[in-house]
Amino acid sequence: MANKKRNLKNREQENQWEERVVQVRRVTKVVKGGKKLSFRAILVVGDEKGQVGVGVGKASDVIGAVKKAVSNAKKNIILIPLTKFNSIPHPINGISGAAEVIMRPSAQGSGVIAGGSVRTVLELAGVKNILAKQLGSSNSLNNARAALDALGNLKTFEQVASERNIPIDTLYT
């Protein structure tokens, strides 16, 4: 009986994650006998409540690559602070390789203004009102990782106040 309850809990935890494939590419490796084909999948996993992760998987078939990407993304999950309007607390930049992403909080009802893999990362993180711009590279993987870098560096007002050893009221004045 306890085993059934444990299995139900595991299924519920598995079902909370939404997965979106950002890119599937056919890649080749030159070996002694010729070219060896494989597939690379970039995938974003999130619960739309402030948790999101990006993963990469490579395999000889697409399904295997996607499965590997899902497990890799779940290992790289970060928790982000959201405001009551489902936005981010302050403007921030994120960098990964040559890709840079600028994110700014936006007014309520404005929606997710972003493109490519950054939009997917923000939607699965649960951000509803934000303005984001990709600079530098157009590489999907680096842009997704830059978005994750930016979201991972966000701080709440409480964290900033405790770091500075001041009461939170003084931050608003």
N, C-alpha and C. Protein backbone atom coordinates (compact mmCIF):
# COMPACT_ATOMS: atom_id res chain seq x y z
N MET A 1 0.83 -1.21 0.00
CA MET A 1 0.00 0.00 0.00
C MET A 1 0.87 1.27 0.00
N ALA A 2 1.91 1.26 0.81
CA ALA A 2 2.80 2.42 0.88
C ALA A 2 3.53 2.62 -0.44
N ASN A 3 3.82 1.51 -1.12
CA ASN A 3 4.49 1.59 -2.42
C ASN A 3 3.62 2.31 -3.46
N LYS A 4 2.29 2.04 -3.42
CA LYS A 4 1.37 2.69 -4.36
C LYS A 4 1.33 4.19 -4.13
N LYS A 5 1.32 4.60 -2.84
CA LYS A 5 1.31 6.03 -2.53
C LYS A 5 2.59 6.70 -3.01
N ARG A 6 3.72 6.01 -2.81
CA ARG A 6 5.00 6.56 -3.24
C ARG A 6 5.02 6.72 -4.76
N ASN A 7 4.51 5.72 -5.48
CA ASN A 7 4.45 5.79 -6.94
C ASN A 7 3.55 6.92 -7.41
N LEU A 8 2.42 7.14 -6.71
CA LEU A 8 1.52 8.24 -7.05
C LEU A 8 2.22 9.58 -6.87
N LYS A 9 2.96 9.74 -5.76
CA LYS A 9 3.69 10.99 -5.52
C LYS A 9 4.73 11.21 -6.61
N ASN A 10 5.45 10.16 -6.99
CA ASN A 10 6.46 10.29 -8.05
C ASN A 10 5.83 10.71 -9.36
N ARG A 11 4.66 10.16 -9.68
CA ARG A 11 3.96 10.53 -10.92
C ARG A 11 3.52 11.98 -10.88
N GLU A 12 3.03 12.42 -9.70
CA GLU A 12 2.60 13.81 -9.58
C GLU A 12 3.77 14.75 -9.76
N GLN A 13 4.94 14.38 -9.19
CA GLN A 13 6.13 15.22 -9.36
C GLN A 13 6.57 15.23 -10.82
N GLU A 14 6.46 14.11 -11.51
CA GLU A 14 6.84 14.06 -12.91
C GLU A 14 5.89 14.90 -13.76
N ASN A 15 4.61 14.90 -13.41
CA ASN A 15 3.61 15.60 -14.22
C ASN A 15 3.67 17.12 -14.05
N GLN A 16 4.29 17.61 -12.97
CA GLN A 16 4.33 19.05 -12.76
C GLN A 16 5.27 19.74 -13.77
N TRP A 17 6.21 19.00 -14.35
CA TRP A 17 7.18 19.58 -15.27
C TRP A 17 6.63 19.61 -16.68
N GLU A 18 6.76 20.76 -17.31
CA GLU A 18 6.40 20.89 -18.72
C GLU A 18 7.70 20.95 -19.51
N GLU A 19 7.74 20.23 -20.62
CA GLU A 19 8.97 20.16 -21.42
C GLU A 19 8.70 20.75 -22.80
N ARG A 20 9.66 21.54 -23.28
CA ARG A 20 9.56 22.06 -24.64
C ARG A 20 10.90 21.91 -25.35
N VAL A 21 10.85 21.32 -26.52
CA VAL A 21 12.06 21.16 -27.32
C VAL A 21 12.34 22.47 -28.04
N VAL A 22 13.53 23.02 -27.84
CA VAL A 22 13.92 24.27 -28.48
C VAL A 22 14.50 23.99 -29.86
N GLN A 23 15.34 22.94 -29.94
CA GLN A 23 16.01 22.66 -31.20
C GLN A 23 16.43 21.19 -31.27
N VAL A 24 16.30 20.60 -32.44
CA VAL A 24 16.87 19.28 -32.70
C VAL A 24 17.73 19.42 -33.95
N ARG A 25 19.01 19.07 -33.81
CA ARG A 25 19.94 19.20 -34.93
C ARG A 25 20.58 17.87 -35.25
N ARG A 26 20.79 17.63 -36.53
CA ARG A 26 21.53 16.45 -36.94
C ARG A 26 23.00 16.85 -37.02
N VAL A 27 23.84 16.17 -36.24
CA VAL A 27 25.26 16.51 -36.21
C VAL A 27 26.06 15.30 -36.69
N THR A 28 27.23 15.57 -37.25
CA THR A 28 28.07 14.48 -37.76
C THR A 28 29.44 14.54 -37.11
N LYS A 29 30.03 13.37 -36.98
CA LYS A 29 31.39 13.24 -36.47
C LYS A 29 32.16 12.45 -37.52
N VAL A 30 33.28 12.99 -37.94
CA VAL A 30 34.07 12.30 -38.95
C VAL A 30 34.98 11.28 -38.26
N VAL A 31 34.78 10.02 -38.62
CA VAL A 31 35.57 8.92 -38.07
C VAL A 31 36.31 8.23 -39.21
N LYS A 32 37.10 7.22 -38.87
CA LYS A 32 37.94 6.52 -39.83
C LYS A 32 37.12 5.97 -41.02
N GLY A 33 35.95 5.43 -40.73
CA GLY A 33 35.14 4.82 -41.78
C GLY A 33 34.23 5.78 -42.51
N GLY A 34 34.23 7.06 -42.18
CA GLY A 34 33.34 8.02 -42.83
C GLY A 34 32.71 8.96 -41.81
N LYS A 35 31.44 9.30 -42.01
CA LYS A 35 30.75 10.21 -41.11
C LYS A 35 29.76 9.46 -40.24
N LYS A 36 29.76 9.76 -38.95
CA LYS A 36 28.81 9.13 -38.02
C LYS A 36 27.74 10.15 -37.66
N LEU A 37 26.49 9.85 -37.97
CA LEU A 37 25.37 10.76 -37.71
C LEU A 37 24.85 10.58 -36.28
N SER A 38 24.50 11.69 -35.65
CA SER A 38 23.80 11.65 -34.36
C SER A 38 22.92 12.89 -34.27
N PHE A 39 22.10 12.96 -33.23
CA PHE A 39 21.17 14.07 -33.07
C PHE A 39 21.44 14.77 -31.74
N ARG A 40 21.34 16.11 -31.76
CA ARG A 40 21.49 16.91 -30.55
C ARG A 40 20.18 17.62 -30.29
N ALA A 41 19.65 17.44 -29.09
CA ALA A 41 18.38 18.08 -28.72
C ALA A 41 18.62 19.08 -27.60
N ILE A 42 18.07 20.28 -27.75
CA ILE A 42 18.08 21.29 -26.69
C ILE A 42 16.67 21.38 -26.16
N LEU A 43 16.52 21.27 -24.84
CA LEU A 43 15.19 21.18 -24.25
C LEU A 43 15.11 22.06 -23.00
N VAL A 44 13.96 22.67 -22.78
CA VAL A 44 13.72 23.48 -21.58
C VAL A 44 12.64 22.80 -20.76
N VAL A 45 12.88 22.69 -19.45
CA VAL A 45 11.93 22.08 -18.52
C VAL A 45 11.57 23.12 -17.48
N GLY A 46 10.27 23.25 -17.18
CA GLY A 46 9.84 24.21 -16.17
C GLY A 46 8.50 23.84 -15.58
N ASP A 47 8.19 24.43 -14.42
CA ASP A 47 6.90 24.16 -13.78
C ASP A 47 5.97 25.37 -13.80
N GLU A 48 6.38 26.46 -14.46
CA GLU A 48 5.61 27.70 -14.55
C GLU A 48 5.31 28.31 -13.18
N LYS A 49 6.12 27.96 -12.17
CA LYS A 49 5.96 28.52 -10.83
C LYS A 49 7.29 29.03 -10.28
N GLY A 50 8.26 29.26 -11.18
CA GLY A 50 9.54 29.79 -10.73
C GLY A 50 10.69 28.82 -10.81
N GLN A 51 10.48 27.62 -11.37
CA GLN A 51 11.57 26.67 -11.54
C GLN A 51 11.75 26.37 -13.02
N VAL A 52 13.00 26.42 -13.48
CA VAL A 52 13.27 26.19 -14.90
C VAL A 52 14.69 25.65 -15.07
N GLY A 53 14.88 24.85 -16.13
CA GLY A 53 16.20 24.30 -16.42
C GLY A 53 16.35 24.05 -17.91
N VAL A 54 17.60 24.12 -18.39
CA VAL A 54 17.92 23.89 -19.80
C VAL A 54 18.84 22.67 -19.88
N GLY A 55 18.56 21.78 -20.83
CA GLY A 55 19.37 20.58 -20.97
C GLY A 55 19.69 20.26 -22.42
N VAL A 56 20.79 19.53 -22.61
CA VAL A 56 21.23 19.12 -23.93
C VAL A 56 21.43 17.61 -23.92
N GLY A 57 21.00 16.93 -24.98
CA GLY A 57 21.21 15.49 -25.09
C GLY A 57 21.63 15.12 -26.49
N LYS A 58 22.56 14.19 -26.58
CA LYS A 58 22.99 13.70 -27.89
C LYS A 58 22.83 12.19 -27.93
N ALA A 59 22.28 11.69 -29.05
CA ALA A 59 22.10 10.25 -29.23
C ALA A 59 21.98 9.95 -30.71
N SER A 60 21.99 8.66 -31.04
CA SER A 60 21.91 8.27 -32.45
C SER A 60 20.51 8.39 -33.01
N ASP A 61 19.50 8.55 -32.12
CA ASP A 61 18.13 8.79 -32.58
C ASP A 61 17.54 9.97 -31.82
N VAL A 62 16.50 10.59 -32.38
CA VAL A 62 15.91 11.80 -31.82
C VAL A 62 15.30 11.54 -30.44
N ILE A 63 14.57 10.44 -30.31
CA ILE A 63 13.89 10.14 -29.04
C ILE A 63 14.90 9.96 -27.91
N GLY A 64 15.99 9.28 -28.19
CA GLY A 64 17.03 9.10 -27.18
C GLY A 64 17.67 10.42 -26.79
N ALA A 65 17.88 11.30 -27.79
CA ALA A 65 18.47 12.62 -27.51
C ALA A 65 17.55 13.45 -26.64
N VAL A 66 16.24 13.39 -26.92
CA VAL A 66 15.27 14.15 -26.12
C VAL A 66 15.21 13.63 -24.69
N LYS A 67 15.24 12.32 -24.51
CA LYS A 67 15.23 11.73 -23.16
C LYS A 67 16.45 12.17 -22.36
N LYS A 68 17.62 12.14 -23.02
CA LYS A 68 18.85 12.58 -22.35
C LYS A 68 18.78 14.06 -22.00
N ALA A 69 18.20 14.86 -22.90
CA ALA A 69 18.08 16.30 -22.66
C ALA A 69 17.16 16.58 -21.48
N VAL A 70 16.07 15.79 -21.34
CA VAL A 70 15.15 15.97 -20.21
C VAL A 70 15.86 15.70 -18.89
N SER A 71 16.62 14.61 -18.83
CA SER A 71 17.31 14.29 -17.57
C SER A 71 18.40 15.32 -17.28
N ASN A 72 19.06 15.82 -18.32
CA ASN A 72 20.07 16.85 -18.13
C ASN A 72 19.46 18.17 -17.66
N ALA A 73 18.29 18.52 -18.20
CA ALA A 73 17.61 19.76 -17.81
C ALA A 73 17.15 19.70 -16.36
N LYS A 74 16.68 18.53 -15.92
CA LYS A 74 16.21 18.39 -14.54
C LYS A 74 17.35 18.48 -13.54
N LYS A 75 18.58 18.19 -13.99
CA LYS A 75 19.75 18.33 -13.12
C LYS A 75 20.17 19.79 -12.98
N ASN A 76 19.80 20.63 -13.96
CA ASN A 76 20.23 22.03 -13.98
C ASN A 76 19.10 23.01 -13.67
N ILE A 77 18.17 22.61 -12.81
CA ILE A 77 17.02 23.46 -12.50
C ILE A 77 17.41 24.54 -11.50
N ILE A 78 16.93 25.77 -11.77
CA ILE A 78 17.15 26.87 -10.84
C ILE A 78 15.80 27.41 -10.38
N LEU A 79 15.80 28.05 -9.22
CA LEU A 79 14.59 28.66 -8.66
C LEU A 79 14.71 30.17 -8.82
N ILE A 80 13.69 30.80 -9.38
CA ILE A 80 13.76 32.24 -9.60
C ILE A 80 12.68 32.96 -8.79
N PRO A 81 12.99 34.16 -8.29
CA PRO A 81 11.99 34.93 -7.55
C PRO A 81 11.05 35.66 -8.52
N LEU A 82 9.77 35.52 -8.31
CA LEU A 82 8.77 36.21 -9.13
C LEU A 82 8.04 37.24 -8.28
N THR A 83 7.66 38.37 -8.88
CA THR A 83 6.87 39.37 -8.16
C THR A 83 5.40 38.96 -8.19
N LYS A 84 4.56 39.72 -7.51
CA LYS A 84 3.13 39.35 -7.49
C LYS A 84 2.46 39.54 -8.85
N PHE A 85 3.11 40.30 -9.75
CA PHE A 85 2.58 40.48 -11.10
C PHE A 85 3.24 39.51 -12.09
N ASN A 86 3.87 38.45 -11.57
CA ASN A 86 4.57 37.45 -12.39
C ASN A 86 5.61 38.09 -13.31
N SER A 87 6.41 38.97 -12.73
CA SER A 87 7.52 39.58 -13.44
C SER A 87 8.78 39.36 -12.61
N ILE A 88 9.88 39.95 -13.05
CA ILE A 88 11.12 39.83 -12.29
C ILE A 88 11.29 41.06 -11.41
N PRO A 89 12.02 40.96 -10.28
CA PRO A 89 12.12 42.08 -9.35
C PRO A 89 12.91 43.29 -9.87
N HIS A 90 13.88 43.08 -10.76
CA HIS A 90 14.72 44.19 -11.23
C HIS A 90 15.34 43.84 -12.58
N PRO A 91 15.83 44.86 -13.32
CA PRO A 91 16.49 44.58 -14.61
C PRO A 91 17.80 43.81 -14.39
N ILE A 92 18.15 42.96 -15.35
CA ILE A 92 19.36 42.14 -15.22
C ILE A 92 19.85 41.69 -16.58
N ASN A 93 21.16 41.43 -16.66
CA ASN A 93 21.77 40.90 -17.88
C ASN A 93 22.32 39.51 -17.60
N GLY A 94 22.33 38.66 -18.62
CA GLY A 94 22.92 37.33 -18.49
C GLY A 94 23.83 37.06 -19.67
N ILE A 95 24.93 36.34 -19.43
CA ILE A 95 25.90 36.06 -20.48
C ILE A 95 26.23 34.57 -20.50
N SER A 96 26.32 34.03 -21.70
CA SER A 96 26.81 32.67 -21.90
C SER A 96 27.50 32.63 -23.25
N GLY A 97 28.81 32.43 -23.24
CA GLY A 97 29.56 32.47 -24.49
C GLY A 97 29.50 33.86 -25.08
N ALA A 98 29.16 33.96 -26.36
CA ALA A 98 29.04 35.25 -27.03
C ALA A 98 27.63 35.81 -26.94
N ALA A 99 26.71 35.06 -26.34
CA ALA A 99 25.31 35.49 -26.24
C ALA A 99 25.10 36.31 -24.98
N GLU A 100 24.40 37.42 -25.12
CA GLU A 100 24.03 38.25 -23.98
C GLU A 100 22.53 38.49 -24.04
N VAL A 101 21.88 38.44 -22.88
CA VAL A 101 20.44 38.66 -22.81
C VAL A 101 20.18 39.77 -21.80
N ILE A 102 19.38 40.76 -22.21
CA ILE A 102 18.97 41.84 -21.32
C ILE A 102 17.52 41.60 -20.95
N MET A 103 17.20 41.64 -19.65
CA MET A 103 15.82 41.45 -19.19
C MET A 103 15.40 42.62 -18.32
N ARG A 104 14.17 43.09 -18.56
CA ARG A 104 13.62 44.17 -17.76
C ARG A 104 12.20 43.82 -17.34
N PRO A 105 11.83 44.16 -16.09
CA PRO A 105 10.43 43.93 -15.69
C PRO A 105 9.51 44.81 -16.52
N SER A 106 8.33 44.32 -16.77
CA SER A 106 7.39 45.04 -17.62
C SER A 106 6.06 45.22 -16.89
N ALA A 107 5.24 46.13 -17.42
CA ALA A 107 3.95 46.45 -16.80
C ALA A 107 3.01 45.25 -16.88
N GLN A 108 2.08 45.21 -15.93
CA GLN A 108 1.13 44.10 -15.89
C GLN A 108 0.29 44.09 -17.16
N GLY A 109 0.15 42.91 -17.75
CA GLY A 109 -0.65 42.75 -18.97
C GLY A 109 0.14 42.90 -20.25
N SER A 110 1.43 43.22 -20.17
CA SER A 110 2.21 43.41 -21.38
C SER A 110 2.66 42.10 -22.02
N GLY A 111 2.72 41.03 -21.24
CA GLY A 111 3.07 39.72 -21.76
C GLY A 111 4.57 39.51 -21.85
N VAL A 112 4.95 38.39 -22.45
CA VAL A 112 6.37 38.05 -22.62
C VAL A 112 6.83 38.61 -23.95
N ILE A 113 7.67 39.64 -23.90
CA ILE A 113 8.21 40.23 -25.11
C ILE A 113 9.65 39.74 -25.23
N ALA A 114 9.83 38.64 -25.93
CA ALA A 114 11.15 38.02 -26.10
C ALA A 114 11.08 37.12 -27.32
N GLY A 115 12.23 36.71 -27.78
CA GLY A 115 12.26 35.87 -28.97
C GLY A 115 13.07 34.61 -28.76
N GLY A 116 12.81 33.63 -29.60
CA GLY A 116 13.61 32.41 -29.64
C GLY A 116 13.58 31.60 -28.36
N SER A 117 14.74 31.07 -28.01
CA SER A 117 14.83 30.18 -26.85
C SER A 117 14.65 30.93 -25.54
N VAL A 118 14.92 32.24 -25.53
CA VAL A 118 14.73 33.05 -24.30
C VAL A 118 13.25 33.09 -23.95
N ARG A 119 12.40 33.21 -24.95
CA ARG A 119 10.95 33.23 -24.73
C ARG A 119 10.49 31.91 -24.10
N THR A 120 10.99 30.80 -24.61
CA THR A 120 10.63 29.49 -24.08
C THR A 120 11.05 29.36 -22.63
N VAL A 121 12.27 29.79 -22.30
CA VAL A 121 12.77 29.73 -20.93
C VAL A 121 11.88 30.56 -20.01
N LEU A 122 11.54 31.77 -20.43
CA LEU A 122 10.73 32.66 -19.59
C LEU A 122 9.31 32.14 -19.39
N GLU A 123 8.72 31.59 -20.45
CA GLU A 123 7.35 31.06 -20.34
C GLU A 123 7.30 29.87 -19.40
N LEU A 124 8.28 28.96 -19.50
CA LEU A 124 8.28 27.78 -18.64
C LEU A 124 8.69 28.12 -17.21
N ALA A 125 9.34 29.26 -17.01
CA ALA A 125 9.68 29.71 -15.66
C ALA A 125 8.46 30.30 -14.97
N GLY A 126 7.45 30.68 -15.72
CA GLY A 126 6.24 31.26 -15.14
C GLY A 126 6.23 32.77 -15.17
N VAL A 127 7.16 33.38 -15.90
CA VAL A 127 7.20 34.84 -16.02
C VAL A 127 6.14 35.25 -17.04
N LYS A 128 5.27 36.19 -16.66
CA LYS A 128 4.18 36.59 -17.55
C LYS A 128 4.39 37.98 -18.15
N ASN A 129 5.08 38.87 -17.44
CA ASN A 129 5.28 40.25 -17.90
C ASN A 129 6.75 40.60 -17.87
N ILE A 130 7.36 40.61 -19.05
CA ILE A 130 8.81 40.87 -19.12
C ILE A 130 9.18 41.34 -20.51
N LEU A 131 10.27 42.10 -20.57
CA LEU A 131 10.82 42.53 -21.84
C LEU A 131 12.25 42.00 -21.90
N ALA A 132 12.59 41.23 -22.92
CA ALA A 132 13.92 40.65 -23.03
C ALA A 132 14.47 40.85 -24.44
N LYS A 133 15.78 41.04 -24.52
CA LYS A 133 16.44 41.24 -25.81
C LYS A 133 17.70 40.41 -25.87
N GLN A 134 17.88 39.69 -27.00
CA GLN A 134 19.09 38.91 -27.21
C GLN A 134 20.11 39.77 -27.95
N LEU A 135 21.35 39.77 -27.46
CA LEU A 135 22.41 40.51 -28.12
C LEU A 135 23.56 39.56 -28.45
N GLY A 136 24.32 39.87 -29.48
CA GLY A 136 25.49 39.07 -29.81
C GLY A 136 25.13 37.87 -30.66
N SER A 137 25.11 36.71 -30.06
CA SER A 137 24.95 35.45 -30.78
C SER A 137 23.49 35.10 -31.04
N SER A 138 23.26 34.34 -32.11
CA SER A 138 21.91 33.82 -32.38
C SER A 138 21.83 32.33 -32.05
N ASN A 139 22.85 31.80 -31.38
CA ASN A 139 22.91 30.40 -31.00
C ASN A 139 21.84 30.10 -29.94
N SER A 140 20.94 29.16 -30.23
CA SER A 140 19.81 28.86 -29.34
C SER A 140 20.27 28.39 -27.96
N LEU A 141 21.26 27.53 -27.93
CA LEU A 141 21.73 26.98 -26.66
C LEU A 141 22.37 28.07 -25.80
N ASN A 142 23.23 28.89 -26.37
CA ASN A 142 23.87 29.95 -25.60
C ASN A 142 22.87 31.01 -25.14
N ASN A 143 21.87 31.31 -25.96
CA ASN A 143 20.84 32.27 -25.55
C ASN A 143 20.00 31.71 -24.41
N ALA A 144 19.65 30.43 -24.47
CA ALA A 144 18.89 29.82 -23.38
C ALA A 144 19.70 29.81 -22.09
N ARG A 145 21.00 29.49 -22.19
CA ARG A 145 21.86 29.48 -21.01
C ARG A 145 22.09 30.88 -20.48
N ALA A 146 22.15 31.89 -21.36
CA ALA A 146 22.29 33.28 -20.92
C ALA A 146 21.03 33.72 -20.16
N ALA A 147 19.86 33.29 -20.63
CA ALA A 147 18.61 33.61 -19.94
C ALA A 147 18.59 32.95 -18.56
N LEU A 148 19.06 31.71 -18.48
CA LEU A 148 19.15 31.01 -17.20
C LEU A 148 20.13 31.70 -16.26
N ASP A 149 21.25 32.19 -16.82
CA ASP A 149 22.24 32.92 -16.03
C ASP A 149 21.64 34.19 -15.44
N ALA A 150 20.88 34.93 -16.26
CA ALA A 150 20.24 36.16 -15.79
C ALA A 150 19.22 35.85 -14.70
N LEU A 151 18.37 34.86 -14.93
CA LEU A 151 17.34 34.52 -13.95
C LEU A 151 17.95 34.00 -12.65
N GLY A 152 19.08 33.30 -12.76
CA GLY A 152 19.74 32.77 -11.57
C GLY A 152 20.37 33.85 -10.71
N ASN A 153 20.68 35.01 -11.30
CA ASN A 153 21.32 36.11 -10.55
C ASN A 153 20.32 37.10 -9.97
N LEU A 154 19.02 36.85 -10.14
CA LEU A 154 18.01 37.75 -9.58
C LEU A 154 18.00 37.67 -8.06
N LYS A 155 17.72 38.82 -7.41
CA LYS A 155 17.64 38.88 -5.95
C LYS A 155 16.34 39.55 -5.54
N THR A 156 15.79 39.11 -4.43
CA THR A 156 14.59 39.73 -3.89
C THR A 156 15.00 40.91 -3.01
N PHE A 157 14.04 41.76 -2.66
CA PHE A 157 14.32 42.89 -1.78
C PHE A 157 14.81 42.41 -0.41
N GLU A 158 14.25 41.30 0.06
CA GLU A 158 14.65 40.76 1.36
C GLU A 158 16.11 40.32 1.34
N GLN A 159 16.55 39.68 0.25
CA GLN A 159 17.94 39.23 0.14
C GLN A 159 18.90 40.42 0.13
N VAL A 160 18.56 41.47 -0.62
CA VAL A 160 19.42 42.66 -0.70
C VAL A 160 19.50 43.34 0.65
N ALA A 161 18.37 43.45 1.35
CA ALA A 161 18.36 44.10 2.67
C ALA A 161 19.21 43.31 3.67
N SER A 162 19.12 41.98 3.63
CA SER A 162 19.91 41.18 4.57
C SER A 162 21.40 41.22 4.23
N GLU A 163 21.75 41.30 2.94
CA GLU A 163 23.16 41.43 2.55
C GLU A 163 23.77 42.74 3.01
N ARG A 164 22.96 43.80 2.97
CA ARG A 164 23.45 45.13 3.36
C ARG A 164 23.29 45.40 4.86
N ASN A 165 22.65 44.47 5.57
CA ASN A 165 22.38 44.63 7.01
C ASN A 165 21.59 45.90 7.32
N ILE A 166 20.55 46.14 6.53
CA ILE A 166 19.67 47.29 6.76
C ILE A 166 18.24 46.80 6.76
N PRO A 167 17.33 47.56 7.42
CA PRO A 167 15.92 47.16 7.38
C PRO A 167 15.35 47.31 5.96
N ILE A 168 14.39 46.47 5.64
CA ILE A 168 13.82 46.45 4.28
C ILE A 168 13.10 47.76 3.95
N ASP A 169 12.60 48.48 4.97
CA ASP A 169 11.89 49.75 4.72
C ASP A 169 12.79 50.78 4.04
N THR A 170 14.08 50.78 4.36
CA THR A 170 14.99 51.78 3.81
C THR A 170 15.25 51.57 2.31
N LEU A 171 14.97 50.39 1.80
CA LEU A 171 15.15 50.15 0.36
C LEU A 171 14.11 50.89 -0.45
N TYR A 172 12.93 51.11 0.11
CA TYR A 172 11.84 51.73 -0.64
C TYR A 172 11.90 53.26 -0.59
N THR A 173 12.69 53.82 0.30
CA THR A 173 12.69 55.29 0.42
C THR A 173 13.81 55.93 -0.36
